[in-house]
Amino acid sequence: FDVRPMNPGGPALRSHLRLGGLGVLAVAHDASLDAEQRASLEELATA
């Protein structure tokens, strides 16, 4: 969660969640994610 992008431009942060070895859910966002937002992303990745 809350990784700075390798290239400039766009939202300030990225979060990456594995999709069970099938791919990656990559989400761009401007502010750090709180615990509830992180849990929601994990639920989305599981679904």
All heavy atoms as atom14 arrays in JSON, in Angstrom:
{
  "sequence": "FDVRPMNPGGPALRSHLRLGGLGVLAVAHDASLDAEQRASLEELATA",
  "atom14_mask": [
    [1, 1, 1, 1, 1, 1, 1, 1, 1, 1, 1, 0, 0, 0],
    [1, 1, 1, 1, 1, 1, 1, 1, 0, 0, 0, 0, 0, 0],
    [1, 1, 1, 1, 1, 1, 1, 0, 0, 0, 0, 0, 0, 0],
    [1, 1, 1, 1, 1, 1, 1, 1, 1, 1, 1, 0, 0, 0],
    [1, 1, 1, 1, 1, 1, 1, 0, 0, 0, 0, 0, 0, 0],
    [1, 1, 1, 1, 1, 1, 1, 1, 0, 0, 0, 0, 0, 0],
    [1, 1, 1, 1, 1, 1, 1, 1, 0, 0, 0, 0, 0, 0],
    [1, 1, 1, 1, 1, 1, 1, 0, 0, 0, 0, 0, 0, 0],
    [1, 1, 1, 1, 0, 0, 0, 0, 0, 0, 0, 0, 0, 0],
    [1, 1, 1, 1, 0, 0, 0, 0, 0, 0, 0, 0, 0, 0],
    [1, 1, 1, 1, 1, 1, 1, 0, 0, 0, 0, 0, 0, 0],
    [1, 1, 1, 1, 1, 0, 0, 0, 0, 0, 0, 0, 0, 0],
    [1, 1, 1, 1, 1, 1, 1, 1, 0, 0, 0, 0, 0, 0],
    [1, 1, 1, 1, 1, 1, 1, 1, 1, 1, 1, 0, 0, 0],
    [1, 1, 1, 1, 1, 1, 0, 0, 0, 0, 0, 0, 0, 0],
    [1, 1, 1, 1, 1, 1, 1, 1, 1, 1, 0, 0, 0, 0],
    [1, 1, 1, 1, 1, 1, 1, 1, 0, 0, 0, 0, 0, 0],
    [1, 1, 1, 1, 1, 1, 1, 1, 1, 1, 1, 0, 0, 0],
    [1, 1, 1, 1, 1, 1, 1, 1, 0, 0, 0, 0, 0, 0],
    [1, 1, 1, 1, 0, 0, 0, 0, 0, 0, 0, 0, 0, 0],
    [1, 1, 1, 1, 0, 0, 0, 0, 0, 0, 0, 0, 0, 0],
    [1, 1, 1, 1, 1, 1, 1, 1, 0, 0, 0, 0, 0, 0],
    [1, 1, 1, 1, 0, 0, 0, 0, 0, 0, 0, 0, 0, 0],
    [1, 1, 1, 1, 1, 1, 1, 0, 0, 0, 0, 0, 0, 0],
    [1, 1, 1, 1, 1, 1, 1, 1, 0, 0, 0, 0, 0, 0],
    [1, 1, 1, 1, 1, 0, 0, 0, 0, 0, 0, 0, 0, 0],
    [1, 1, 1, 1, 1, 1, 1, 0, 0, 0, 0, 0, 0, 0],
    [1, 1, 1, 1, 1, 0, 0, 0, 0, 0, 0, 0, 0, 0],
    [1, 1, 1, 1, 1, 1, 1, 1, 1, 1, 0, 0, 0, 0],
    [1, 1, 1, 1, 1, 1, 1, 1, 0, 0, 0, 0, 0, 0],
    [1, 1, 1, 1, 1, 0, 0, 0, 0, 0, 0, 0, 0, 0],
    [1, 1, 1, 1, 1, 1, 0, 0, 0, 0, 0, 0, 0, 0],
    [1, 1, 1, 1, 1, 1, 1, 1, 0, 0, 0, 0, 0, 0],
    [1, 1, 1, 1, 1, 1, 1, 1, 0, 0, 0, 0, 0, 0],
    [1, 1, 1, 1, 1, 0, 0, 0, 0, 0, 0, 0, 0, 0],
    [1, 1, 1, 1, 1, 1, 1, 1, 1, 0, 0, 0, 0, 0],
    [1, 1, 1, 1, 1, 1, 1, 1, 1, 0, 0, 0, 0, 0],
    [1, 1, 1, 1, 1, 1, 1, 1, 1, 1, 1, 0, 0, 0],
    [1, 1, 1, 1, 1, 0, 0, 0, 0, 0, 0, 0, 0, 0],
    [1, 1, 1, 1, 1, 1, 0, 0, 0, 0, 0, 0, 0, 0],
    [1, 1, 1, 1, 1, 1, 1, 1, 0, 0, 0, 0, 0, 0],
    [1, 1, 1, 1, 1, 1, 1, 1, 1, 0, 0, 0, 0, 0],
    [1, 1, 1, 1, 1, 1, 1, 1, 1, 0, 0, 0, 0, 0],
    [1, 1, 1, 1, 1, 1, 1, 1, 0, 0, 0, 0, 0, 0],
    [1, 1, 1, 1, 1, 0, 0, 0, 0, 0, 0, 0, 0, 0],
    [1, 1, 1, 1, 1, 1, 1, 0, 0, 0, 0, 0, 0, 0],
    [1, 1, 1, 1, 1, 0, 0, 0, 0, 0, 0, 0, 0, 0]
  ],
  "atom14_positions": [
    [[0.83, -1.2, 0.0], [0.0, 0.0, 0.0], [0.87, 1.25, 0.0], [1.98, 1.25, 0.54], [-0.9, 0.03, 1.24], [-1.9, -1.09, 1.29], [-1.7, -2.18, 2.13], [-3.03, -1.06, 0.51], [-2.63, -3.2, 2.19], [-3.97, -2.09, 0.55], [-3.76, -3.16, 1.4], [0.0, 0.0, 0.0], [0.0, 0.0, 0.0], [0.0, 0.0, 0.0]],
    [[0.33, 2.31, -0.6], [0.94, 3.65, -0.54], [2.36, 3.69, -1.08], [3.26, 4.27, -0.49], [0.89, 4.19, 0.89], [-0.53, 4.26, 1.44], [-1.47, 4.32, 0.63], [-0.68, 4.27, 2.67], [0.0, 0.0, 0.0], [0.0, 0.0, 0.0], [0.0, 0.0, 0.0], [0.0, 0.0, 0.0], [0.0, 0.0, 0.0], [0.0, 0.0, 0.0]],
    [[2.56, 3.08, -2.24], [3.87, 3.07, -2.9], [3.95, 4.26, -3.84], [3.0, 4.54, -4.57], [4.04, 1.75, -3.71], [5.35, 1.76, -4.47], [3.94, 0.56, -2.79], [0.0, 0.0, 0.0], [0.0, 0.0, 0.0], [0.0, 0.0, 0.0], [0.0, 0.0, 0.0], [0.0, 0.0, 0.0], [0.0, 0.0, 0.0], [0.0, 0.0, 0.0]],
    [[5.06, 4.95, -3.83], [5.25, 6.06, -4.77], [5.5, 5.48, -6.16], [6.21, 4.49, -6.31], [6.43, 6.92, -4.35], [6.2, 7.6, -3.01], [6.82, 8.98, -2.98], [6.55, 9.61, -1.7], [5.51, 10.39, -1.47], [4.64, 10.6, -2.41], [5.33, 10.95, -0.29], [0.0, 0.0, 0.0], [0.0, 0.0, 0.0], [0.0, 0.0, 0.0]],
    [[4.9, 6.09, -7.2], [5.07, 5.57, -8.56], [6.51, 5.73, -9.05], [7.24, 6.61, -8.59], [4.11, 6.4, -9.4], [3.89, 7.64, -8.61], [4.04, 7.26, -7.17], [0.0, 0.0, 0.0], [0.0, 0.0, 0.0], [0.0, 0.0, 0.0], [0.0, 0.0, 0.0], [0.0, 0.0, 0.0], [0.0, 0.0, 0.0], [0.0, 0.0, 0.0]],
    [[6.89, 4.87, -9.98], [8.24, 4.93, -10.55], [8.38, 6.14, -11.47], [9.45, 6.7, -11.59], [8.54, 3.65, -11.34], [8.63, 2.42, -10.48], [8.96, 0.92, -11.44], [10.64, 1.22, -11.96], [0.0, 0.0, 0.0], [0.0, 0.0, 0.0], [0.0, 0.0, 0.0], [0.0, 0.0, 0.0], [0.0, 0.0, 0.0], [0.0, 0.0, 0.0]],
    [[7.3, 6.52, -12.15], [7.33, 7.63, -13.09], [6.45, 8.77, -12.58], [5.4, 8.53, -12.0], [6.83, 7.17, -14.47], [7.71, 6.1, -15.05], [8.92, 6.22, -15.08], [7.1, 5.01, -15.5], [0.0, 0.0, 0.0], [0.0, 0.0, 0.0], [0.0, 0.0, 0.0], [0.0, 0.0, 0.0], [0.0, 0.0, 0.0], [0.0, 0.0, 0.0]],
    [[6.87, 10.0, -12.81], [6.08, 11.13, -12.33], [4.77, 11.27, -13.11], [4.61, 10.75, -14.2], [7.0, 12.32, -12.6], [7.9, 11.89, -13.7], [8.07, 10.41, -13.52], [0.0, 0.0, 0.0], [0.0, 0.0, 0.0], [0.0, 0.0, 0.0], [0.0, 0.0, 0.0], [0.0, 0.0, 0.0], [0.0, 0.0, 0.0], [0.0, 0.0, 0.0]],
    [[3.85, 11.99, -12.5], [2.56, 12.24, -13.13], [1.48, 11.38, -12.53], [1.73, 10.31, -12.01], [0.0, 0.0, 0.0], [0.0, 0.0, 0.0], [0.0, 0.0, 0.0], [0.0, 0.0, 0.0], [0.0, 0.0, 0.0], [0.0, 0.0, 0.0], [0.0, 0.0, 0.0], [0.0, 0.0, 0.0], [0.0, 0.0, 0.0], [0.0, 0.0, 0.0]],
    [[0.27, 11.88, -12.59], [-0.86, 11.13, -12.06], [-0.91, 11.2, -10.55], [-0.2, 11.96, -9.91], [0.0, 0.0, 0.0], [0.0, 0.0, 0.0], [0.0, 0.0, 0.0], [0.0, 0.0, 0.0], [0.0, 0.0, 0.0], [0.0, 0.0, 0.0], [0.0, 0.0, 0.0], [0.0, 0.0, 0.0], [0.0, 0.0, 0.0], [0.0, 0.0, 0.0]],
    [[-1.77, 10.36, -9.95], [-1.89, 10.33, -8.49], [-0.57, 10.01, -7.81], [0.31, 9.38, -8.39], [-2.93, 9.24, -8.26], [-3.74, 9.22, -9.51], [-2.75, 9.5, -10.6], [0.0, 0.0, 0.0], [0.0, 0.0, 0.0], [0.0, 0.0, 0.0], [0.0, 0.0, 0.0], [0.0, 0.0, 0.0], [0.0, 0.0, 0.0], [0.0, 0.0, 0.0]],
    [[-0.44, 10.45, -6.58], [0.82, 10.38, -5.84], [1.22, 8.99, -5.38], [2.4, 8.71, -5.2], [0.75, 11.31, -4.63], [0.0, 0.0, 0.0], [0.0, 0.0, 0.0], [0.0, 0.0, 0.0], [0.0, 0.0, 0.0], [0.0, 0.0, 0.0], [0.0, 0.0, 0.0], [0.0, 0.0, 0.0], [0.0, 0.0, 0.0], [0.0, 0.0, 0.0]],
    [[0.24, 8.11, -5.18], [0.53, 6.8, -4.59], [-0.14, 5.68, -5.36], [-1.09, 5.89, -6.11], [0.05, 6.76, -3.14], [0.66, 7.8, -2.2], [-0.1, 7.83, -0.89], [2.13, 7.54, -1.98], [0.0, 0.0, 0.0], [0.0, 0.0, 0.0], [0.0, 0.0, 0.0], [0.0, 0.0, 0.0], [0.0, 0.0, 0.0], [0.0, 0.0, 0.0]],
    [[0.37, 4.47, -5.15], [-0.2, 3.27, -5.76], [-0.29, 2.17, -4.69], [0.52, 2.13, -3.76], [0.68, 2.72, -6.89], [1.1, 3.72, -7.94], [-0.06, 4.08, -8.86], [0.39, 4.79, -10.05], [0.51, 6.1, -10.14], [0.26, 6.85, -9.1], [0.87, 6.67, -11.27], [0.0, 0.0, 0.0], [0.0, 0.0, 0.0], [0.0, 0.0, 0.0]],
    [[-1.25, 1.29, -4.87], [-1.34, 0.1, -4.04], [-1.51, -1.09, -4.97], [-2.14, -0.97, -6.03], [-2.53, 0.19, -3.06], [-2.29, 1.2, -2.11], [0.0, 0.0, 0.0], [0.0, 0.0, 0.0], [0.0, 0.0, 0.0], [0.0, 0.0, 0.0], [0.0, 0.0, 0.0], [0.0, 0.0, 0.0], [0.0, 0.0, 0.0], [0.0, 0.0, 0.0]],
    [[-0.91, -2.23, -4.6], [-0.91, -3.42, -5.45], [-1.31, -4.64, -4.63], [-0.75, -4.89, -3.57], [0.49, -3.65, -6.04], [1.03, -2.43, -6.7], [1.93, -1.59, -6.08], [0.79, -1.9, -7.92], [2.23, -0.6, -6.9], [1.55, -0.76, -8.02], [0.0, 0.0, 0.0], [0.0, 0.0, 0.0], [0.0, 0.0, 0.0], [0.0, 0.0, 0.0]],
    [[-2.3, -5.38, -5.16], [-2.79, -6.57, -4.47], [-2.83, -7.73, -5.45], [-3.39, -7.6, -6.55], [-4.19, -6.33, -3.9], [-4.29, -5.19, -2.88], [-4.63, -3.89, -3.55], [-5.27, -5.53, -1.81], [0.0, 0.0, 0.0], [0.0, 0.0, 0.0], [0.0, 0.0, 0.0], [0.0, 0.0, 0.0], [0.0, 0.0, 0.0], [0.0, 0.0, 0.0]],
    [[-2.24, -8.86, -5.07], [-2.25, -10.06, -5.91], [-3.66, -10.6, -6.05], [-4.46, -10.53, -5.13], [-1.38, -11.15, -5.29], [0.08, -10.9, -5.44], [0.89, -12.05, -4.91], [0.62, -13.23, -5.73], [0.79, -14.47, -5.34], [1.24, -14.73, -4.15], [0.53, -15.47, -6.14], [0.0, 0.0, 0.0], [0.0, 0.0, 0.0], [0.0, 0.0, 0.0]],
    [[-3.93, -11.14, -7.22], [-5.21, -11.79, -7.47], [-4.98, -13.29, -7.58], [-5.15, -13.9, -8.63], [-5.85, -11.23, -8.75], [-6.15, -9.73, -8.74], [-6.68, -9.29, -10.09], [-7.12, -9.39, -7.63], [0.0, 0.0, 0.0], [0.0, 0.0, 0.0], [0.0, 0.0, 0.0], [0.0, 0.0, 0.0], [0.0, 0.0, 0.0], [0.0, 0.0, 0.0]],
    [[-4.51, -13.85, -6.48], [-4.32, -15.3, -6.4], [-3.39, -15.86, -7.46], [-3.62, -16.96, -7.95], [0.0, 0.0, 0.0], [0.0, 0.0, 0.0], [0.0, 0.0, 0.0], [0.0, 0.0, 0.0], [0.0, 0.0, 0.0], [0.0, 0.0, 0.0], [0.0, 0.0, 0.0], [0.0, 0.0, 0.0], [0.0, 0.0, 0.0], [0.0, 0.0, 0.0]],
    [[-2.37, -15.12, -7.85], [-1.44, -15.58, -8.87], [-1.97, -15.4, -10.29], [-1.3, -15.76, -11.25], [0.0, 0.0, 0.0], [0.0, 0.0, 0.0], [0.0, 0.0, 0.0], [0.0, 0.0, 0.0], [0.0, 0.0, 0.0], [0.0, 0.0, 0.0], [0.0, 0.0, 0.0], [0.0, 0.0, 0.0], [0.0, 0.0, 0.0], [0.0, 0.0, 0.0]],
    [[-3.17, -14.81, -10.43], [-3.78, -14.62, -11.74], [-3.52, -13.23, -12.31], [-3.81, -12.98, -13.47], [-5.3, -14.85, -11.65], [-5.72, -16.22, -11.13], [-7.21, -16.24, -10.86], [-5.34, -17.29, -12.13], [0.0, 0.0, 0.0], [0.0, 0.0, 0.0], [0.0, 0.0, 0.0], [0.0, 0.0, 0.0], [0.0, 0.0, 0.0], [0.0, 0.0, 0.0]],
    [[-3.03, -12.34, -11.49], [-2.79, -10.97, -11.91], [-2.64, -10.09, -10.69], [-2.5, -10.58, -9.57], [0.0, 0.0, 0.0], [0.0, 0.0, 0.0], [0.0, 0.0, 0.0], [0.0, 0.0, 0.0], [0.0, 0.0, 0.0], [0.0, 0.0, 0.0], [0.0, 0.0, 0.0], [0.0, 0.0, 0.0], [0.0, 0.0, 0.0], [0.0, 0.0, 0.0]],
    [[-2.7, -8.79, -10.92], [-2.52, -7.81, -9.84], [-3.59, -6.72, -9.98], [-3.82, -6.22, -11.07], [-1.12, -7.17, -9.9], [-0.97, -6.04, -8.9], [-0.04, -8.22, -9.68], [0.0, 0.0, 0.0], [0.0, 0.0, 0.0], [0.0, 0.0, 0.0], [0.0, 0.0, 0.0], [0.0, 0.0, 0.0], [0.0, 0.0, 0.0], [0.0, 0.0, 0.0]],
    [[-4.2, -6.38, -8.87], [-5.07, -5.22, -8.8], [-4.18, -4.04, -8.44], [-3.6, -4.02, -7.35], [-6.17, -5.43, -7.75], [-7.07, -4.23, -7.45], [-7.87, -3.84, -8.69], [-7.98, -4.55, -6.28], [0.0, 0.0, 0.0], [0.0, 0.0, 0.0], [0.0, 0.0, 0.0], [0.0, 0.0, 0.0], [0.0, 0.0, 0.0], [0.0, 0.0, 0.0]],
    [[-4.05, -3.08, -9.35], [-3.23, -1.88, -9.12], [-4.16, -0.69, -9.02], [-4.97, -0.44, -9.93], [-2.23, -1.7, -10.25], [0.0, 0.0, 0.0], [0.0, 0.0, 0.0], [0.0, 0.0, 0.0], [0.0, 0.0, 0.0], [0.0, 0.0, 0.0], [0.0, 0.0, 0.0], [0.0, 0.0, 0.0], [0.0, 0.0, 0.0], [0.0, 0.0, 0.0]],
    [[-4.06, 0.05, -7.92], [-4.94, 1.18, -7.67], [-4.1, 2.42, -7.43], [-3.16, 2.4, -6.63], [-5.83, 0.9, -6.43], [-6.75, 2.07, -6.14], [-6.63, -0.38, -6.62], [0.0, 0.0, 0.0], [0.0, 0.0, 0.0], [0.0, 0.0, 0.0], [0.0, 0.0, 0.0], [0.0, 0.0, 0.0], [0.0, 0.0, 0.0], [0.0, 0.0, 0.0]],
    [[-4.44, 3.5, -8.13], [-3.76, 4.79, -7.95], [-4.61, 5.68, -7.05], [-5.84, 5.7, -7.18], [-3.53, 5.45, -9.3], [0.0, 0.0, 0.0], [0.0, 0.0, 0.0], [0.0, 0.0, 0.0], [0.0, 0.0, 0.0], [0.0, 0.0, 0.0], [0.0, 0.0, 0.0], [0.0, 0.0, 0.0], [0.0, 0.0, 0.0], [0.0, 0.0, 0.0]],
    [[-3.97, 6.41, -6.13], [-4.7, 7.29, -5.22], [-3.8, 8.42, -4.77], [-2.58, 8.32, -4.81], [-5.27, 6.5, -4.03], [-4.32, 5.52, -3.43], [-3.54, 5.8, -2.34], [-4.02, 4.23, -3.77], [-2.81, 4.74, -2.03], [-3.08, 3.77, -2.89], [0.0, 0.0, 0.0], [0.0, 0.0, 0.0], [0.0, 0.0, 0.0], [0.0, 0.0, 0.0]],
    [[-4.43, 9.53, -4.33], [-3.68, 10.73, -3.96], [-3.26, 10.77, -2.49], [-2.3, 11.44, -2.15], [-4.5, 11.99, -4.27], [-4.53, 12.29, -5.75], [-3.47, 12.2, -6.4], [-5.6, 12.62, -6.27], [0.0, 0.0, 0.0], [0.0, 0.0, 0.0], [0.0, 0.0, 0.0], [0.0, 0.0, 0.0], [0.0, 0.0, 0.0], [0.0, 0.0, 0.0]],
    [[-3.98, 10.08, -1.63], [-3.69, 10.13, -0.19], [-3.47, 8.71, 0.33], [-3.96, 7.73, -0.25], [-4.84, 10.78, 0.55], [0.0, 0.0, 0.0], [0.0, 0.0, 0.0], [0.0, 0.0, 0.0], [0.0, 0.0, 0.0], [0.0, 0.0, 0.0], [0.0, 0.0, 0.0], [0.0, 0.0, 0.0], [0.0, 0.0, 0.0], [0.0, 0.0, 0.0]],
    [[-2.74, 8.61, 1.43], [-2.52, 7.31, 2.07], [-3.86, 6.69, 2.44], [-4.8, 7.38, 2.81], [-1.68, 7.48, 3.33], [-0.38, 7.87, 3.0], [0.0, 0.0, 0.0], [0.0, 0.0, 0.0], [0.0, 0.0, 0.0], [0.0, 0.0, 0.0], [0.0, 0.0, 0.0], [0.0, 0.0, 0.0], [0.0, 0.0, 0.0], [0.0, 0.0, 0.0]],
    [[-3.92, 5.38, 2.34], [-5.13, 4.65, 2.67], [-5.17, 4.33, 4.16], [-4.17, 3.91, 4.74], [-5.2, 3.35, 1.87], [-5.19, 3.5, 0.35], [-5.18, 2.13, -0.31], [-6.35, 4.33, -0.14], [0.0, 0.0, 0.0], [0.0, 0.0, 0.0], [0.0, 0.0, 0.0], [0.0, 0.0, 0.0], [0.0, 0.0, 0.0], [0.0, 0.0, 0.0]],
    [[-6.35, 4.49, 4.76], [-6.49, 4.12, 6.17], [-6.82, 2.63, 6.26], [-6.99, 1.95, 5.24], [-7.55, 4.98, 6.87], [-8.96, 4.85, 6.3], [-9.31, 3.77, 5.76], [-9.73, 5.82, 6.4], [0.0, 0.0, 0.0], [0.0, 0.0, 0.0], [0.0, 0.0, 0.0], [0.0, 0.0, 0.0], [0.0, 0.0, 0.0], [0.0, 0.0, 0.0]],
    [[-6.91, 2.12, 7.46], [-7.11, 0.68, 7.67], [-8.4, 0.18, 7.02], [-8.43, -0.9, 6.43], [-7.11, 0.36, 9.16], [0.0, 0.0, 0.0], [0.0, 0.0, 0.0], [0.0, 0.0, 0.0], [0.0, 0.0, 0.0], [0.0, 0.0, 0.0], [0.0, 0.0, 0.0], [0.0, 0.0, 0.0], [0.0, 0.0, 0.0], [0.0, 0.0, 0.0]],
    [[-9.47, 0.97, 7.09], [-10.74, 0.55, 6.49], [-10.64, 0.5, 4.97], [-11.14, -0.44, 4.34], [-11.85, 1.53, 6.91], [-13.22, 1.12, 6.43], [-14.31, 2.05, 6.92], [-14.17, 2.59, 8.04], [-15.29, 2.23, 6.19], [0.0, 0.0, 0.0], [0.0, 0.0, 0.0], [0.0, 0.0, 0.0], [0.0, 0.0, 0.0], [0.0, 0.0, 0.0]],
    [[-9.98, 1.46, 4.37], [-9.8, 1.47, 2.91], [-8.93, 0.3, 2.47], [-9.2, -0.32, 1.44], [-9.19, 2.8, 2.46], [-10.14, 3.97, 2.64], [-9.44, 5.29, 2.49], [-8.33, 5.49, 2.98], [-10.1, 6.22, 1.81], [0.0, 0.0, 0.0], [0.0, 0.0, 0.0], [0.0, 0.0, 0.0], [0.0, 0.0, 0.0], [0.0, 0.0, 0.0]],
    [[-7.9, 0.01, 3.23], [-7.04, -1.13, 2.9], [-7.82, -2.44, 2.97], [-7.71, -3.29, 2.09], [-5.84, -1.18, 3.84], [-4.84, -0.08, 3.57], [-3.68, -0.12, 4.53], [-2.74, 0.95, 4.22], [-1.5, 0.97, 4.62], [-1.02, -0.02, 5.37], [-0.71, 1.96, 4.27], [0.0, 0.0, 0.0], [0.0, 0.0, 0.0], [0.0, 0.0, 0.0]],
    [[-8.64, -2.58, 4.02], [-9.45, -3.79, 4.16], [-10.44, -3.91, 3.0], [-10.65, -5.01, 2.47], [-10.19, -3.78, 5.5], [0.0, 0.0, 0.0], [0.0, 0.0, 0.0], [0.0, 0.0, 0.0], [0.0, 0.0, 0.0], [0.0, 0.0, 0.0], [0.0, 0.0, 0.0], [0.0, 0.0, 0.0], [0.0, 0.0, 0.0], [0.0, 0.0, 0.0]],
    [[-11.01, -2.8, 2.57], [-11.94, -2.81, 1.44], [-11.25, -3.25, 0.16], [-11.81, -4.03, -0.62], [-12.57, -1.44, 1.24], [-13.41, -1.11, 2.31], [0.0, 0.0, 0.0], [0.0, 0.0, 0.0], [0.0, 0.0, 0.0], [0.0, 0.0, 0.0], [0.0, 0.0, 0.0], [0.0, 0.0, 0.0], [0.0, 0.0, 0.0], [0.0, 0.0, 0.0]],
    [[-10.03, -2.77, -0.07], [-9.28, -3.19, -1.25], [-8.94, -4.67, -1.19], [-9.01, -5.37, -2.21], [-7.99, -2.38, -1.4], [-8.08, -1.09, -2.18], [-6.7, -0.42, -2.25], [-8.62, -1.3, -3.57], [0.0, 0.0, 0.0], [0.0, 0.0, 0.0], [0.0, 0.0, 0.0], [0.0, 0.0, 0.0], [0.0, 0.0, 0.0], [0.0, 0.0, 0.0]],
    [[-8.6, -5.16, -0.01], [-8.31, -6.59, 0.12], [-9.56, -7.43, -0.16], [-9.47, -8.48, -0.81], [-7.75, -6.88, 1.51], [-6.34, -6.31, 1.66], [-5.7, -6.68, 2.98], [-5.08, -7.76, 3.03], [-5.83, -5.91, 3.94], [0.0, 0.0, 0.0], [0.0, 0.0, 0.0], [0.0, 0.0, 0.0], [0.0, 0.0, 0.0], [0.0, 0.0, 0.0]],
    [[-10.72, -6.97, 0.29], [-11.98, -7.67, 0.0], [-12.26, -7.65, -1.5], [-12.7, -8.66, -2.07], [-13.13, -7.03, 0.76], [-13.1, -7.27, 2.25], [-14.16, -6.51, 3.0], [-15.11, -5.98, 2.37], [-14.05, -6.42, 4.23], [0.0, 0.0, 0.0], [0.0, 0.0, 0.0], [0.0, 0.0, 0.0], [0.0, 0.0, 0.0], [0.0, 0.0, 0.0]],
    [[-12.01, -6.51, -2.14], [-12.21, -6.42, -3.59], [-11.29, -7.37, -4.33], [-11.71, -8.06, -5.25], [-11.97, -4.97, -4.04], [-12.13, -4.71, -5.54], [-13.55, -4.99, -6.0], [-11.74, -3.27, -5.85], [0.0, 0.0, 0.0], [0.0, 0.0, 0.0], [0.0, 0.0, 0.0], [0.0, 0.0, 0.0], [0.0, 0.0, 0.0], [0.0, 0.0, 0.0]],
    [[-10.03, -7.44, -3.91], [-9.07, -8.35, -4.55], [-9.5, -9.81, -4.36], [-9.39, -10.62, -5.3], [-7.68, -8.13, -3.99], [0.0, 0.0, 0.0], [0.0, 0.0, 0.0], [0.0, 0.0, 0.0], [0.0, 0.0, 0.0], [0.0, 0.0, 0.0], [0.0, 0.0, 0.0], [0.0, 0.0, 0.0], [0.0, 0.0, 0.0], [0.0, 0.0, 0.0]],
    [[-10.01, -10.15, -3.19], [-10.49, -11.51, -2.95], [-11.67, -11.83, -3.84], [-11.75, -12.9, -4.45], [-10.86, -11.7, -1.47], [-9.69, -11.49, -0.67], [-11.43, -13.07, -1.2], [0.0, 0.0, 0.0], [0.0, 0.0, 0.0], [0.0, 0.0, 0.0], [0.0, 0.0, 0.0], [0.0, 0.0, 0.0], [0.0, 0.0, 0.0], [0.0, 0.0, 0.0]],
    [[-12.62, -10.9, -3.95], [-13.79, -11.1, -4.8], [-13.38, -11.22, -6.27], [-13.92, -12.07, -7.0], [-14.79, -9.96, -4.62], [0.0, 0.0, 0.0], [0.0, 0.0, 0.0], [0.0, 0.0, 0.0], [0.0, 0.0, 0.0], [0.0, 0.0, 0.0], [0.0, 0.0, 0.0], [0.0, 0.0, 0.0], [0.0, 0.0, 0.0], [0.0, 0.0, 0.0]]
  ]
}
